[in-house]
Amino acid sequence: MDKHDVTVFSPYPFKVGQKIYIDEGRRKGDWEVVFIDDHKVKLKCPVSLREFEFNRFCYFVKDENGIEWPRKDSESPT
């Protein structure tokens, strides 16, 4: 197999009570994580104290150099 440089995305492992800052986009700003499950995250604004539930959206990103692509253990999206 050929080797390539690949960008890897993984869901961010939120923790209830965690203070976060979103750097860009419509959710930009400071938030506190108040609820999480496999599909949703609920964030509370520390200023207005309003809570908003979103589909999970934050991801860790890293670049890997010289790896096999596509990966043998990859599954096709359904």
C-alpha atoms as a PDB file:
ATOM      1  CA  MET A   1       0.000   0.000   0.000  1.00  0.00           C
ATOM      2  CA  ASP A   2       1.064   3.573  -0.633  1.00  0.00           C
ATOM      3  CA  LYS A   3       1.847   5.892   2.272  1.00  0.00           C
ATOM      4  CA  HIS A   4       0.149   9.294   2.568  1.00  0.00           C
ATOM      5  CA  ASP A   5      -0.223  12.250   4.936  1.00  0.00           C
ATOM      6  CA  VAL A   6      -3.710  12.058   6.496  1.00  0.00           C
ATOM      7  CA  THR A   7      -5.713  14.401   8.756  1.00  0.00           C
ATOM      8  CA  VAL A   8      -7.496  12.483  11.550  1.00  0.00           C
ATOM      9  CA  PHE A   9     -10.794  13.597  13.174  1.00  0.00           C
ATOM     10  CA  SER A  10     -12.040  12.110  16.453  1.00  0.00           C
ATOM     11  CA  PRO A  11     -15.008  13.183  18.616  1.00  0.00           C
ATOM     12  CA  TYR A  12     -13.959  15.378  21.520  1.00  0.00           C
ATOM     13  CA  PRO A  13     -14.397  13.577  24.891  1.00  0.00           C
ATOM     14  CA  PHE A  14     -16.486  16.206  26.702  1.00  0.00           C
ATOM     15  CA  LYS A  15     -16.852  15.979  30.497  1.00  0.00           C
ATOM     16  CA  VAL A  16     -19.789  17.389  32.494  1.00  0.00           C
ATOM     17  CA  GLY A  17     -18.663  20.518  34.335  1.00  0.00           C
ATOM     18  CA  GLN A  18     -15.903  21.234  31.833  1.00  0.00           C
ATOM     19  CA  LYS A  19     -15.313  24.873  30.931  1.00  0.00           C
ATOM     20  CA  ILE A  20     -14.655  25.273  27.211  1.00  0.00           C
ATOM     21  CA  TYR A  21     -14.004  28.041  24.692  1.00  0.00           C
ATOM     22  CA  ILE A  22     -15.114  27.636  21.086  1.00  0.00           C
ATOM     23  CA  ASP A  23     -12.743  29.598  18.886  1.00  0.00           C
ATOM     24  CA  GLU A  24     -14.850  30.056  15.723  1.00  0.00           C
ATOM     25  CA  GLY A  25     -18.320  29.738  14.233  1.00  0.00           C
ATOM     26  CA  ARG A  26     -21.815  30.515  15.440  1.00  0.00           C
ATOM     27  CA  ARG A  27     -21.173  28.903  18.852  1.00  0.00           C
ATOM     28  CA  LYS A  28     -18.048  30.995  19.452  1.00  0.00           C
ATOM     29  CA  GLY A  29     -17.411  31.865  23.079  1.00  0.00           C
ATOM     30  CA  ASP A  30     -17.262  30.452  26.584  1.00  0.00           C
ATOM     31  CA  TRP A  31     -19.446  27.535  27.620  1.00  0.00           C
ATOM     32  CA  GLU A  32     -19.884  25.001  30.412  1.00  0.00           C
ATOM     33  CA  VAL A  33     -20.723  21.399  29.524  1.00  0.00           C
ATOM     34  CA  VAL A  34     -23.863  20.401  31.471  1.00  0.00           C
ATOM     35  CA  PHE A  35     -24.920  17.153  29.714  1.00  0.00           C
ATOM     36  CA  ILE A  36     -23.496  14.677  27.217  1.00  0.00           C
ATOM     37  CA  ASP A  37     -24.554  11.429  25.604  1.00  0.00           C
ATOM     38  CA  ASP A  38     -23.507   9.565  22.470  1.00  0.00           C
ATOM     39  CA  HIS A  39     -25.232  12.049  20.163  1.00  0.00           C
ATOM     40  CA  LYS A  40     -25.893  15.310  22.023  1.00  0.00           C
ATOM     41  CA  VAL A  41     -24.056  17.855  24.150  1.00  0.00           C
ATOM     42  CA  LYS A  42     -25.799  20.520  26.238  1.00  0.00           C
ATOM     43  CA  LEU A  43     -23.856  23.714  26.863  1.00  0.00           C
ATOM     44  CA  LYS A  44     -24.621  26.561  29.264  1.00  0.00           C
ATOM     45  CA  CYS A  45     -23.644  30.166  28.622  1.00  0.00           C
ATOM     46  CA  PRO A  46     -21.911  31.510  31.765  1.00  0.00           C
ATOM     47  CA  VAL A  47     -23.252  35.032  31.092  1.00  0.00           C
ATOM     48  CA  SER A  48     -26.944  34.493  30.269  1.00  0.00           C
ATOM     49  CA  LEU A  49     -27.120  31.077  32.016  1.00  0.00           C
ATOM     50  CA  ARG A  50     -29.172  29.834  29.046  1.00  0.00           C
ATOM     51  CA  GLU A  51     -28.650  26.227  27.981  1.00  0.00           C
ATOM     52  CA  PHE A  52     -28.475  24.946  24.419  1.00  0.00           C
ATOM     53  CA  GLU A  53     -28.444  21.342  23.212  1.00  0.00           C
ATOM     54  CA  PHE A  54     -26.495  20.531  20.070  1.00  0.00           C
ATOM     55  CA  ASN A  55     -25.541  17.477  18.087  1.00  0.00           C
ATOM     56  CA  ARG A  56     -21.969  16.660  19.082  1.00  0.00           C
ATOM     57  CA  PHE A  57     -19.785  18.845  16.899  1.00  0.00           C
ATOM     58  CA  CYS A  58     -16.279  19.359  18.306  1.00  0.00           C
ATOM     59  CA  TYR A  59     -13.390  17.236  17.125  1.00  0.00           C
ATOM     60  CA  PHE A  60      -9.749  16.741  17.890  1.00  0.00           C
ATOM     61  CA  VAL A  61      -7.676  17.052  14.760  1.00  0.00           C
ATOM     62  CA  LYS A  62      -4.195  15.787  14.152  1.00  0.00           C
ATOM     63  CA  ASP A  63      -2.042  15.135  11.154  1.00  0.00           C
ATOM     64  CA  GLU A  64      -0.350  11.798  10.671  1.00  0.00           C
ATOM     65  CA  ASN A  65       2.532  11.461   8.253  1.00  0.00           C
ATOM     66  CA  GLY A  66       3.433   8.427   6.193  1.00  0.00           C
ATOM     67  CA  ILE A  67       0.504   6.149   7.064  1.00  0.00           C
ATOM     68  CA  GLU A  68      -1.410   3.585   5.045  1.00  0.00           C
ATOM     69  CA  TRP A  69      -4.459   5.054   3.303  1.00  0.00           C
ATOM     70  CA  PRO A  70      -7.128   3.899   2.986  1.00  0.00           C
ATOM     71  CA  ARG A  71      -6.686   1.976   6.198  1.00  0.00           C
ATOM     72  CA  LYS A  72      -7.338  -1.728   6.061  1.00  0.00           C
ATOM     73  CA  ASP A  73      -9.633  -1.475   9.110  1.00  0.00           C
ATOM     74  CA  SER A  74     -11.735   1.317   7.514  1.00  0.00           C
ATOM     75  CA  GLU A  75     -15.412   0.692   6.993  1.00  0.00           C
ATOM     76  CA  SER A  76     -17.510   2.248   4.264  1.00  0.00           C
ATOM     77  CA  PRO A  77     -20.078   4.770   5.511  1.00  0.00           C
ATOM     78  CA  THR A  78     -23.616   3.412   5.420  1.00  0.00           C
END
